[in-house]
Amino acid sequence: MLQEAWHGEGTSNSQFMISASTANNNLRASSWYIEDGSFLRVKNLQVG
């Protein structure tokens, strides 16, 4: 959130700036929230 946030021209084109207010309503439902949910998990492993 801090590392990728916009903090000046050219610093980020994917994360809005950190601010106490968001008059632009940056947090409205949008594609910003969408992420790839694919995963592969080692659910159980046992060595005997």
All heavy atoms as atom14 arrays in JSON, in Angstrom:
{
  "sequence": "MLQEAWHGEGTSNSQFMISASTANNNLRASSWYIEDGSFLRVKNLQVG",
  "atom14_mask": [
    [1, 1, 1, 1, 1, 1, 1, 1, 0, 0, 0, 0, 0, 0],
    [1, 1, 1, 1, 1, 1, 1, 1, 0, 0, 0, 0, 0, 0],
    [1, 1, 1, 1, 1, 1, 1, 1, 1, 0, 0, 0, 0, 0],
    [1, 1, 1, 1, 1, 1, 1, 1, 1, 0, 0, 0, 0, 0],
    [1, 1, 1, 1, 1, 0, 0, 0, 0, 0, 0, 0, 0, 0],
    [1, 1, 1, 1, 1, 1, 1, 1, 1, 1, 1, 1, 1, 1],
    [1, 1, 1, 1, 1, 1, 1, 1, 1, 1, 0, 0, 0, 0],
    [1, 1, 1, 1, 0, 0, 0, 0, 0, 0, 0, 0, 0, 0],
    [1, 1, 1, 1, 1, 1, 1, 1, 1, 0, 0, 0, 0, 0],
    [1, 1, 1, 1, 0, 0, 0, 0, 0, 0, 0, 0, 0, 0],
    [1, 1, 1, 1, 1, 1, 1, 0, 0, 0, 0, 0, 0, 0],
    [1, 1, 1, 1, 1, 1, 0, 0, 0, 0, 0, 0, 0, 0],
    [1, 1, 1, 1, 1, 1, 1, 1, 0, 0, 0, 0, 0, 0],
    [1, 1, 1, 1, 1, 1, 0, 0, 0, 0, 0, 0, 0, 0],
    [1, 1, 1, 1, 1, 1, 1, 1, 1, 0, 0, 0, 0, 0],
    [1, 1, 1, 1, 1, 1, 1, 1, 1, 1, 1, 0, 0, 0],
    [1, 1, 1, 1, 1, 1, 1, 1, 0, 0, 0, 0, 0, 0],
    [1, 1, 1, 1, 1, 1, 1, 1, 0, 0, 0, 0, 0, 0],
    [1, 1, 1, 1, 1, 1, 0, 0, 0, 0, 0, 0, 0, 0],
    [1, 1, 1, 1, 1, 0, 0, 0, 0, 0, 0, 0, 0, 0],
    [1, 1, 1, 1, 1, 1, 0, 0, 0, 0, 0, 0, 0, 0],
    [1, 1, 1, 1, 1, 1, 1, 0, 0, 0, 0, 0, 0, 0],
    [1, 1, 1, 1, 1, 0, 0, 0, 0, 0, 0, 0, 0, 0],
    [1, 1, 1, 1, 1, 1, 1, 1, 0, 0, 0, 0, 0, 0],
    [1, 1, 1, 1, 1, 1, 1, 1, 0, 0, 0, 0, 0, 0],
    [1, 1, 1, 1, 1, 1, 1, 1, 0, 0, 0, 0, 0, 0],
    [1, 1, 1, 1, 1, 1, 1, 1, 0, 0, 0, 0, 0, 0],
    [1, 1, 1, 1, 1, 1, 1, 1, 1, 1, 1, 0, 0, 0],
    [1, 1, 1, 1, 1, 0, 0, 0, 0, 0, 0, 0, 0, 0],
    [1, 1, 1, 1, 1, 1, 0, 0, 0, 0, 0, 0, 0, 0],
    [1, 1, 1, 1, 1, 1, 0, 0, 0, 0, 0, 0, 0, 0],
    [1, 1, 1, 1, 1, 1, 1, 1, 1, 1, 1, 1, 1, 1],
    [1, 1, 1, 1, 1, 1, 1, 1, 1, 1, 1, 1, 0, 0],
    [1, 1, 1, 1, 1, 1, 1, 1, 0, 0, 0, 0, 0, 0],
    [1, 1, 1, 1, 1, 1, 1, 1, 1, 0, 0, 0, 0, 0],
    [1, 1, 1, 1, 1, 1, 1, 1, 0, 0, 0, 0, 0, 0],
    [1, 1, 1, 1, 0, 0, 0, 0, 0, 0, 0, 0, 0, 0],
    [1, 1, 1, 1, 1, 1, 0, 0, 0, 0, 0, 0, 0, 0],
    [1, 1, 1, 1, 1, 1, 1, 1, 1, 1, 1, 0, 0, 0],
    [1, 1, 1, 1, 1, 1, 1, 1, 0, 0, 0, 0, 0, 0],
    [1, 1, 1, 1, 1, 1, 1, 1, 1, 1, 1, 0, 0, 0],
    [1, 1, 1, 1, 1, 1, 1, 0, 0, 0, 0, 0, 0, 0],
    [1, 1, 1, 1, 1, 1, 1, 1, 1, 0, 0, 0, 0, 0],
    [1, 1, 1, 1, 1, 1, 1, 1, 0, 0, 0, 0, 0, 0],
    [1, 1, 1, 1, 1, 1, 1, 1, 0, 0, 0, 0, 0, 0],
    [1, 1, 1, 1, 1, 1, 1, 1, 1, 0, 0, 0, 0, 0],
    [1, 1, 1, 1, 1, 1, 1, 0, 0, 0, 0, 0, 0, 0],
    [1, 1, 1, 1, 0, 0, 0, 0, 0, 0, 0, 0, 0, 0]
  ],
  "atom14_positions": [
    [[0.84, -1.2, 0.0], [0.0, 0.0, 0.0], [0.87, 1.25, 0.0], [0.57, 2.24, -0.67], [-0.91, 0.0, 1.22], [-1.78, 1.23, 1.36], [-2.86, 1.12, 2.8], [-3.52, 2.78, 2.85], [0.0, 0.0, 0.0], [0.0, 0.0, 0.0], [0.0, 0.0, 0.0], [0.0, 0.0, 0.0], [0.0, 0.0, 0.0], [0.0, 0.0, 0.0]],
    [[1.96, 1.21, 0.73], [2.89, 2.34, 0.78], [3.89, 2.28, -0.37], [4.22, 3.3, -0.98], [3.63, 2.36, 2.11], [4.67, 3.47, 2.31], [3.99, 4.84, 2.25], [5.39, 3.3, 3.64], [0.0, 0.0, 0.0], [0.0, 0.0, 0.0], [0.0, 0.0, 0.0], [0.0, 0.0, 0.0], [0.0, 0.0, 0.0], [0.0, 0.0, 0.0]],
    [[4.35, 1.09, -0.68], [5.4, 0.93, -1.68], [4.91, 1.26, -3.09], [5.67, 1.79, -3.91], [5.94, -0.51, -1.63], [6.6, -0.87, -0.31], [6.85, -2.36, -0.19], [6.38, -3.16, -1.0], [7.59, -2.75, 0.84], [0.0, 0.0, 0.0], [0.0, 0.0, 0.0], [0.0, 0.0, 0.0], [0.0, 0.0, 0.0], [0.0, 0.0, 0.0]],
    [[3.64, 0.93, -3.39], [3.14, 1.06, -4.76], [2.21, 2.26, -4.96], [1.77, 2.51, -6.07], [2.4, -0.22, -5.16], [3.28, -1.47, -5.11], [2.5, -2.73, -5.41], [1.3, -2.62, -5.77], [3.07, -3.83, -5.27], [0.0, 0.0, 0.0], [0.0, 0.0, 0.0], [0.0, 0.0, 0.0], [0.0, 0.0, 0.0], [0.0, 0.0, 0.0]],
    [[1.9, 2.99, -3.88], [0.96, 4.1, -3.99], [1.54, 5.25, -4.82], [2.75, 5.51, -4.8], [0.58, 4.59, -2.6], [0.0, 0.0, 0.0], [0.0, 0.0, 0.0], [0.0, 0.0, 0.0], [0.0, 0.0, 0.0], [0.0, 0.0, 0.0], [0.0, 0.0, 0.0], [0.0, 0.0, 0.0], [0.0, 0.0, 0.0], [0.0, 0.0, 0.0]],
    [[0.65, 5.92, -5.54], [1.04, 7.11, -6.31], [1.5, 8.2, -5.34], [0.84, 8.51, -4.35], [-0.14, 7.59, -7.12], [0.15, 8.72, -8.07], [0.47, 8.6, -9.4], [0.12, 10.13, -7.8], [0.65, 9.84, -9.96], [0.45, 10.8, -9.0], [-0.13, 10.88, -6.66], [0.52, 12.19, -9.09], [-0.06, 12.26, -6.73], [0.27, 12.91, -7.93]],
    [[2.66, 8.79, -5.59], [3.15, 9.88, -4.75], [3.83, 10.96, -5.58], [4.68, 11.69, -5.09], [4.11, 9.36, -3.67], [5.28, 8.59, -4.2], [5.21, 7.25, -4.5], [6.56, 8.98, -4.48], [6.38, 6.84, -4.94], [7.21, 7.86, -4.95], [0.0, 0.0, 0.0], [0.0, 0.0, 0.0], [0.0, 0.0, 0.0], [0.0, 0.0, 0.0]],
    [[3.44, 11.04, -6.83], [3.99, 12.06, -7.71], [3.91, 11.58, -9.15], [3.78, 10.38, -9.43], [0.0, 0.0, 0.0], [0.0, 0.0, 0.0], [0.0, 0.0, 0.0], [0.0, 0.0, 0.0], [0.0, 0.0, 0.0], [0.0, 0.0, 0.0], [0.0, 0.0, 0.0], [0.0, 0.0, 0.0], [0.0, 0.0, 0.0], [0.0, 0.0, 0.0]],
    [[3.96, 12.5, -10.08], [3.79, 12.15, -11.49], [4.76, 11.05, -11.92], [5.96, 11.14, -11.7], [3.98, 13.4, -12.35], [3.68, 13.17, -13.81], [3.65, 14.46, -14.61], [3.66, 15.56, -13.98], [3.6, 14.39, -15.86], [0.0, 0.0, 0.0], [0.0, 0.0, 0.0], [0.0, 0.0, 0.0], [0.0, 0.0, 0.0], [0.0, 0.0, 0.0]],
    [[4.2, 10.01, -12.52], [5.0, 8.91, -13.04], [5.35, 7.84, -12.04], [5.99, 6.85, -12.4], [0.0, 0.0, 0.0], [0.0, 0.0, 0.0], [0.0, 0.0, 0.0], [0.0, 0.0, 0.0], [0.0, 0.0, 0.0], [0.0, 0.0, 0.0], [0.0, 0.0, 0.0], [0.0, 0.0, 0.0], [0.0, 0.0, 0.0], [0.0, 0.0, 0.0]],
    [[4.93, 7.97, -10.78], [5.32, 6.99, -9.77], [4.47, 5.72, -9.8], [4.94, 4.65, -9.43], [5.26, 7.6, -8.36], [3.93, 8.11, -8.13], [6.28, 8.72, -8.21], [0.0, 0.0, 0.0], [0.0, 0.0, 0.0], [0.0, 0.0, 0.0], [0.0, 0.0, 0.0], [0.0, 0.0, 0.0], [0.0, 0.0, 0.0], [0.0, 0.0, 0.0]],
    [[3.22, 5.83, -10.21], [2.35, 4.65, -10.28], [1.18, 4.92, -11.19], [0.65, 6.03, -11.23], [1.83, 4.29, -8.88], [0.9, 3.2, -8.95], [0.0, 0.0, 0.0], [0.0, 0.0, 0.0], [0.0, 0.0, 0.0], [0.0, 0.0, 0.0], [0.0, 0.0, 0.0], [0.0, 0.0, 0.0], [0.0, 0.0, 0.0], [0.0, 0.0, 0.0]],
    [[0.78, 3.88, -11.92], [-0.42, 3.98, -12.75], [-1.41, 2.88, -12.4], [-2.33, 2.58, -13.15], [-0.05, 3.88, -14.23], [-1.16, 4.42, -15.13], [-1.8, 5.43, -14.84], [-1.39, 3.73, -16.25], [0.0, 0.0, 0.0], [0.0, 0.0, 0.0], [0.0, 0.0, 0.0], [0.0, 0.0, 0.0], [0.0, 0.0, 0.0], [0.0, 0.0, 0.0]],
    [[-1.19, 2.26, -11.21], [-2.06, 1.16, -10.8], [-2.58, 1.31, -9.37], [-3.5, 0.59, -8.98], [-1.3, -0.17, -10.9], [-0.14, -0.15, -10.08], [0.0, 0.0, 0.0], [0.0, 0.0, 0.0], [0.0, 0.0, 0.0], [0.0, 0.0, 0.0], [0.0, 0.0, 0.0], [0.0, 0.0, 0.0], [0.0, 0.0, 0.0], [0.0, 0.0, 0.0]],
    [[-2.02, 2.22, -8.59], [-2.42, 2.39, -7.2], [-2.6, 3.87, -6.9], [-1.69, 4.68, -7.11], [-1.34, 1.81, -6.27], [-1.57, 2.06, -4.79], [-2.8, 1.33, -4.27], [-2.95, 0.13, -4.47], [-3.68, 2.06, -3.6], [0.0, 0.0, 0.0], [0.0, 0.0, 0.0], [0.0, 0.0, 0.0], [0.0, 0.0, 0.0], [0.0, 0.0, 0.0]],
    [[-3.79, 4.25, -6.42], [-4.04, 5.66, -6.14], [-3.23, 6.14, -4.94], [-2.67, 5.34, -4.19], [-5.53, 5.9, -5.92], [-6.14, 5.14, -4.77], [-6.09, 5.64, -3.49], [-6.76, 3.9, -4.99], [-6.65, 4.95, -2.42], [-7.32, 3.2, -3.93], [-7.26, 3.72, -2.65], [0.0, 0.0, 0.0], [0.0, 0.0, 0.0], [0.0, 0.0, 0.0]],
    [[-3.18, 7.44, -4.72], [-2.38, 7.99, -3.64], [-3.05, 7.75, -2.29], [-4.27, 7.65, -2.18], [-2.15, 9.49, -3.83], [-3.4, 10.34, -3.72], [-3.0, 12.1, -3.87], [-4.66, 12.8, -3.93], [0.0, 0.0, 0.0], [0.0, 0.0, 0.0], [0.0, 0.0, 0.0], [0.0, 0.0, 0.0], [0.0, 0.0, 0.0], [0.0, 0.0, 0.0]],
    [[-2.24, 7.65, -1.25], [-2.75, 7.5, 0.1], [-3.22, 8.86, 0.6], [-2.48, 9.83, 0.54], [-1.66, 6.94, 1.04], [-1.21, 5.56, 0.56], [-2.17, 6.87, 2.47], [-0.06, 4.99, 1.34], [0.0, 0.0, 0.0], [0.0, 0.0, 0.0], [0.0, 0.0, 0.0], [0.0, 0.0, 0.0], [0.0, 0.0, 0.0], [0.0, 0.0, 0.0]],
    [[-4.46, 8.91, 1.06], [-5.02, 10.18, 1.5], [-6.09, 9.93, 2.55], [-6.72, 8.86, 2.57], [-5.63, 10.94, 0.31], [-6.29, 12.11, 0.74], [0.0, 0.0, 0.0], [0.0, 0.0, 0.0], [0.0, 0.0, 0.0], [0.0, 0.0, 0.0], [0.0, 0.0, 0.0], [0.0, 0.0, 0.0], [0.0, 0.0, 0.0], [0.0, 0.0, 0.0]],
    [[-6.28, 10.9, 3.43], [-7.32, 10.78, 4.45], [-8.71, 10.9, 3.86], [-9.69, 10.49, 4.47], [-7.11, 11.84, 5.54], [0.0, 0.0, 0.0], [0.0, 0.0, 0.0], [0.0, 0.0, 0.0], [0.0, 0.0, 0.0], [0.0, 0.0, 0.0], [0.0, 0.0, 0.0], [0.0, 0.0, 0.0], [0.0, 0.0, 0.0], [0.0, 0.0, 0.0]],
    [[-8.81, 11.47, 2.68], [-10.11, 11.61, 2.03], [-10.0, 11.15, 0.58], [-8.93, 11.17, -0.01], [-10.58, 13.07, 2.07], [-9.7, 13.9, 1.34], [0.0, 0.0, 0.0], [0.0, 0.0, 0.0], [0.0, 0.0, 0.0], [0.0, 0.0, 0.0], [0.0, 0.0, 0.0], [0.0, 0.0, 0.0], [0.0, 0.0, 0.0], [0.0, 0.0, 0.0]],
    [[-11.11, 10.72, 0.02], [-11.12, 10.27, -1.36], [-12.39, 10.8, -2.04], [-13.37, 10.07, -2.22], [-11.03, 8.74, -1.47], [-11.25, 8.33, -2.83], [-12.02, 8.05, -0.55], [0.0, 0.0, 0.0], [0.0, 0.0, 0.0], [0.0, 0.0, 0.0], [0.0, 0.0, 0.0], [0.0, 0.0, 0.0], [0.0, 0.0, 0.0], [0.0, 0.0, 0.0]],
    [[-12.38, 12.1, -2.36], [-13.54, 12.72, -2.99], [-13.88, 12.06, -4.31], [-15.04, 12.05, -4.73], [-13.26, 14.22, -3.19], [0.0, 0.0, 0.0], [0.0, 0.0, 0.0], [0.0, 0.0, 0.0], [0.0, 0.0, 0.0], [0.0, 0.0, 0.0], [0.0, 0.0, 0.0], [0.0, 0.0, 0.0], [0.0, 0.0, 0.0], [0.0, 0.0, 0.0]],
    [[-12.88, 11.49, -4.95], [-13.09, 10.82, -6.23], [-13.72, 9.44, -6.06], [-14.04, 8.77, -7.03], [-11.74, 10.7, -6.96], [-11.88, 10.18, -8.38], [-12.52, 10.81, -9.21], [-11.28, 9.03, -8.65], [0.0, 0.0, 0.0], [0.0, 0.0, 0.0], [0.0, 0.0, 0.0], [0.0, 0.0, 0.0], [0.0, 0.0, 0.0], [0.0, 0.0, 0.0]],
    [[-13.86, 9.02, -4.8], [-14.39, 7.68, -4.49], [-13.57, 6.59, -5.17], [-14.09, 5.75, -5.91], [-15.86, 7.58, -4.9], [-16.55, 6.36, -4.3], [-15.98, 5.69, -3.44], [-17.75, 6.07, -4.76], [0.0, 0.0, 0.0], [0.0, 0.0, 0.0], [0.0, 0.0, 0.0], [0.0, 0.0, 0.0], [0.0, 0.0, 0.0], [0.0, 0.0, 0.0]],
    [[-12.27, 6.61, -4.9], [-11.38, 5.61, -5.48], [-11.71, 4.19, -5.04], [-11.33, 3.23, -5.71], [-9.93, 5.93, -5.1], [-9.41, 7.19, -5.75], [-9.52, 7.38, -6.96], [-8.87, 8.1, -4.94], [0.0, 0.0, 0.0], [0.0, 0.0, 0.0], [0.0, 0.0, 0.0], [0.0, 0.0, 0.0], [0.0, 0.0, 0.0], [0.0, 0.0, 0.0]],
    [[-12.39, 4.06, -3.91], [-12.67, 2.73, -3.36], [-13.99, 2.14, -3.83], [-14.43, 1.12, -3.32], [-12.65, 2.8, -1.82], [-11.29, 3.11, -1.21], [-11.42, 3.28, 0.3], [-10.28, 2.03, -1.53], [0.0, 0.0, 0.0], [0.0, 0.0, 0.0], [0.0, 0.0, 0.0], [0.0, 0.0, 0.0], [0.0, 0.0, 0.0], [0.0, 0.0, 0.0]],
    [[-14.64, 2.77, -4.79], [-15.86, 2.2, -5.36], [-15.56, 0.83, -5.97], [-14.41, 0.51, -6.32], [-16.45, 3.14, -6.4], [-15.63, 3.24, -7.67], [-16.17, 4.25, -8.66], [-15.9, 5.63, -8.29], [-16.26, 6.67, -9.02], [-16.91, 6.49, -10.17], [-15.96, 7.9, -8.63], [0.0, 0.0, 0.0], [0.0, 0.0, 0.0], [0.0, 0.0, 0.0]],
    [[-16.58, -0.01, -6.12], [-16.39, -1.34, -6.7], [-15.82, -1.21, -8.1], [-16.41, -0.57, -8.97], [-17.72, -2.09, -6.74], [0.0, 0.0, 0.0], [0.0, 0.0, 0.0], [0.0, 0.0, 0.0], [0.0, 0.0, 0.0], [0.0, 0.0, 0.0], [0.0, 0.0, 0.0], [0.0, 0.0, 0.0], [0.0, 0.0, 0.0], [0.0, 0.0, 0.0]],
    [[-14.67, -1.81, -8.33], [-14.0, -1.66, -9.62], [-13.07, -2.84, -9.88], [-12.87, -3.71, -9.03], [-13.19, -0.35, -9.65], [-12.04, -0.46, -8.82], [0.0, 0.0, 0.0], [0.0, 0.0, 0.0], [0.0, 0.0, 0.0], [0.0, 0.0, 0.0], [0.0, 0.0, 0.0], [0.0, 0.0, 0.0], [0.0, 0.0, 0.0], [0.0, 0.0, 0.0]],
    [[-12.46, -2.82, -11.04], [-11.52, -3.88, -11.44], [-10.27, -3.89, -10.58], [-9.51, -4.85, -10.6], [-11.14, -3.71, -12.91], [-10.57, -2.43, -13.15], [0.0, 0.0, 0.0], [0.0, 0.0, 0.0], [0.0, 0.0, 0.0], [0.0, 0.0, 0.0], [0.0, 0.0, 0.0], [0.0, 0.0, 0.0], [0.0, 0.0, 0.0], [0.0, 0.0, 0.0]],
    [[-10.04, -2.82, -9.81], [-8.88, -2.77, -8.91], [-8.92, -3.88, -7.88], [-7.9, -4.38, -7.43], [-8.84, -1.4, -8.23], [-7.77, -1.24, -7.19], [-6.42, -1.26, -7.39], [-7.96, -1.01, -5.78], [-5.75, -1.05, -6.2], [-6.68, -0.9, -5.21], [-9.08, -0.87, -4.98], [-6.5, -0.67, -3.84], [-8.9, -0.64, -3.63], [-7.62, -0.55, -3.06]],
    [[-10.11, -4.3, -7.49], [-10.27, -5.34, -6.48], [-10.1, -6.75, -7.05], [-9.95, -7.71, -6.3], [-11.66, -5.26, -5.85], [-11.91, -4.02, -5.01], [-12.53, -2.9, -5.56], [-11.57, -3.98, -3.67], [-12.79, -1.77, -4.8], [-11.84, -2.86, -2.89], [-12.43, -1.75, -3.46], [-12.67, -0.64, -2.69], [0.0, 0.0, 0.0], [0.0, 0.0, 0.0]],
    [[-10.17, -6.88, -8.36], [-10.19, -8.2, -8.98], [-8.77, -8.76, -9.09], [-7.87, -8.12, -9.62], [-10.83, -8.16, -10.38], [-12.24, -7.56, -10.29], [-10.86, -9.55, -11.0], [-13.19, -8.35, -9.43], [0.0, 0.0, 0.0], [0.0, 0.0, 0.0], [0.0, 0.0, 0.0], [0.0, 0.0, 0.0], [0.0, 0.0, 0.0], [0.0, 0.0, 0.0]],
    [[-8.58, -9.99, -8.59], [-7.29, -10.65, -8.66], [-7.47, -12.1, -9.12], [-8.54, -12.7, -8.95], [-6.59, -10.63, -7.3], [-6.28, -9.24, -6.78], [-5.45, -9.28, -5.51], [-4.59, -10.19, -5.4], [-5.66, -8.43, -4.62], [0.0, 0.0, 0.0], [0.0, 0.0, 0.0], [0.0, 0.0, 0.0], [0.0, 0.0, 0.0], [0.0, 0.0, 0.0]],
    [[-6.41, -12.64, -9.68], [-6.4, -14.04, -10.09], [-6.44, -14.91, -8.84], [-5.56, -14.82, -7.98], [-5.15, -14.32, -10.91], [-5.09, -15.74, -11.44], [-6.05, -16.51, -11.21], [-4.07, -16.1, -12.07], [0.0, 0.0, 0.0], [0.0, 0.0, 0.0], [0.0, 0.0, 0.0], [0.0, 0.0, 0.0], [0.0, 0.0, 0.0], [0.0, 0.0, 0.0]],
    [[-7.46, -15.76, -8.72], [-7.59, -16.61, -7.55], [-7.05, -18.01, -7.72], [-7.24, -18.87, -6.84], [0.0, 0.0, 0.0], [0.0, 0.0, 0.0], [0.0, 0.0, 0.0], [0.0, 0.0, 0.0], [0.0, 0.0, 0.0], [0.0, 0.0, 0.0], [0.0, 0.0, 0.0], [0.0, 0.0, 0.0], [0.0, 0.0, 0.0], [0.0, 0.0, 0.0]],
    [[-6.36, -18.29, -8.82], [-5.8, -19.62, -9.04], [-4.77, -19.96, -7.97], [-4.02, -19.09, -7.52], [-5.14, -19.69, -10.42], [-6.05, -19.35, -11.45], [0.0, 0.0, 0.0], [0.0, 0.0, 0.0], [0.0, 0.0, 0.0], [0.0, 0.0, 0.0], [0.0, 0.0, 0.0], [0.0, 0.0, 0.0], [0.0, 0.0, 0.0], [0.0, 0.0, 0.0]],
    [[-4.75, -21.22, -7.56], [-3.75, -21.63, -6.58], [-3.5, -23.14, -6.66], [-4.34, -23.9, -7.14], [-4.16, -21.25, -5.16], [-5.3, -22.06, -4.59], [-5.07, -23.24, -3.91], [-6.62, -21.63, -4.74], [-6.12, -23.99, -3.39], [-7.68, -22.36, -4.22], [-7.43, -23.55, -3.54], [0.0, 0.0, 0.0], [0.0, 0.0, 0.0], [0.0, 0.0, 0.0]],
    [[-2.34, -23.52, -6.18], [-1.98, -24.93, -5.98], [-1.46, -25.04, -4.56], [-0.52, -24.34, -4.18], [-0.92, -25.37, -6.98], [-0.32, -26.77, -6.73], [-1.4, -27.84, -6.84], [0.81, -27.05, -7.71], [0.0, 0.0, 0.0], [0.0, 0.0, 0.0], [0.0, 0.0, 0.0], [0.0, 0.0, 0.0], [0.0, 0.0, 0.0], [0.0, 0.0, 0.0]],
    [[-2.09, -25.91, -3.78], [-1.75, -26.0, -2.35], [-1.3, -27.42, -1.98], [-1.91, -28.4, -2.41], [-2.96, -25.6, -1.5], [-2.84, -25.92, -0.02], [-3.91, -25.2, 0.77], [-3.59, -23.79, 0.89], [-4.44, -22.88, 1.35], [-5.65, -23.23, 1.73], [-4.08, -21.61, 1.44], [0.0, 0.0, 0.0], [0.0, 0.0, 0.0], [0.0, 0.0, 0.0]],
    [[-0.22, -27.49, -1.2], [0.18, -28.75, -0.58], [-0.69, -28.89, 0.66], [-0.38, -28.36, 1.72], [1.67, -28.75, -0.21], [2.05, -30.1, 0.4], [2.52, -28.48, -1.44], [0.0, 0.0, 0.0], [0.0, 0.0, 0.0], [0.0, 0.0, 0.0], [0.0, 0.0, 0.0], [0.0, 0.0, 0.0], [0.0, 0.0, 0.0], [0.0, 0.0, 0.0]],
    [[-1.8, -29.62, 0.51], [-2.78, -29.7, 1.58], [-2.31, -30.61, 2.71], [-2.44, -30.27, 3.89], [-4.1, -30.22, 1.01], [-5.28, -30.1, 1.95], [-5.65, -28.64, 2.21], [-6.88, -28.5, 3.07], [-7.21, -27.09, 3.35], [0.0, 0.0, 0.0], [0.0, 0.0, 0.0], [0.0, 0.0, 0.0], [0.0, 0.0, 0.0], [0.0, 0.0, 0.0]],
    [[-1.79, -31.77, 2.34], [-1.28, -32.71, 3.34], [0.01, -33.35, 2.83], [0.13, -33.69, 1.65], [-2.3, -33.81, 3.65], [-3.49, -33.3, 4.43], [-3.36, -32.89, 5.58], [-4.66, -33.33, 3.8], [0.0, 0.0, 0.0], [0.0, 0.0, 0.0], [0.0, 0.0, 0.0], [0.0, 0.0, 0.0], [0.0, 0.0, 0.0], [0.0, 0.0, 0.0]],
    [[0.94, -33.52, 3.73], [2.21, -34.16, 3.41], [2.65, -34.95, 4.63], [2.59, -34.46, 5.77], [3.28, -33.12, 3.06], [4.7, -33.64, 2.82], [4.74, -34.48, 1.54], [5.67, -32.47, 2.72], [0.0, 0.0, 0.0], [0.0, 0.0, 0.0], [0.0, 0.0, 0.0], [0.0, 0.0, 0.0], [0.0, 0.0, 0.0], [0.0, 0.0, 0.0]],
    [[3.08, -36.2, 4.42], [3.51, -37.02, 5.55], [4.64, -37.95, 5.12], [4.59, -38.56, 4.05], [2.35, -37.84, 6.12], [2.67, -38.53, 7.43], [1.47, -39.21, 8.05], [1.38, -40.44, 8.06], [0.53, -38.41, 8.58], [0.0, 0.0, 0.0], [0.0, 0.0, 0.0], [0.0, 0.0, 0.0], [0.0, 0.0, 0.0], [0.0, 0.0, 0.0]],
    [[5.63, -38.05, 5.98], [6.76, -38.97, 5.78], [6.86, -39.83, 7.04], [6.87, -39.31, 8.17], [8.09, -38.21, 5.56], [9.23, -39.2, 5.41], [7.99, -37.32, 4.32], [0.0, 0.0, 0.0], [0.0, 0.0, 0.0], [0.0, 0.0, 0.0], [0.0, 0.0, 0.0], [0.0, 0.0, 0.0], [0.0, 0.0, 0.0], [0.0, 0.0, 0.0]],
    [[6.88, -41.14, 6.84], [6.92, -42.05, 7.99], [8.04, -43.05, 7.9], [8.63, -43.28, 6.83], [0.0, 0.0, 0.0], [0.0, 0.0, 0.0], [0.0, 0.0, 0.0], [0.0, 0.0, 0.0], [0.0, 0.0, 0.0], [0.0, 0.0, 0.0], [0.0, 0.0, 0.0], [0.0, 0.0, 0.0], [0.0, 0.0, 0.0], [0.0, 0.0, 0.0]]
  ]
}
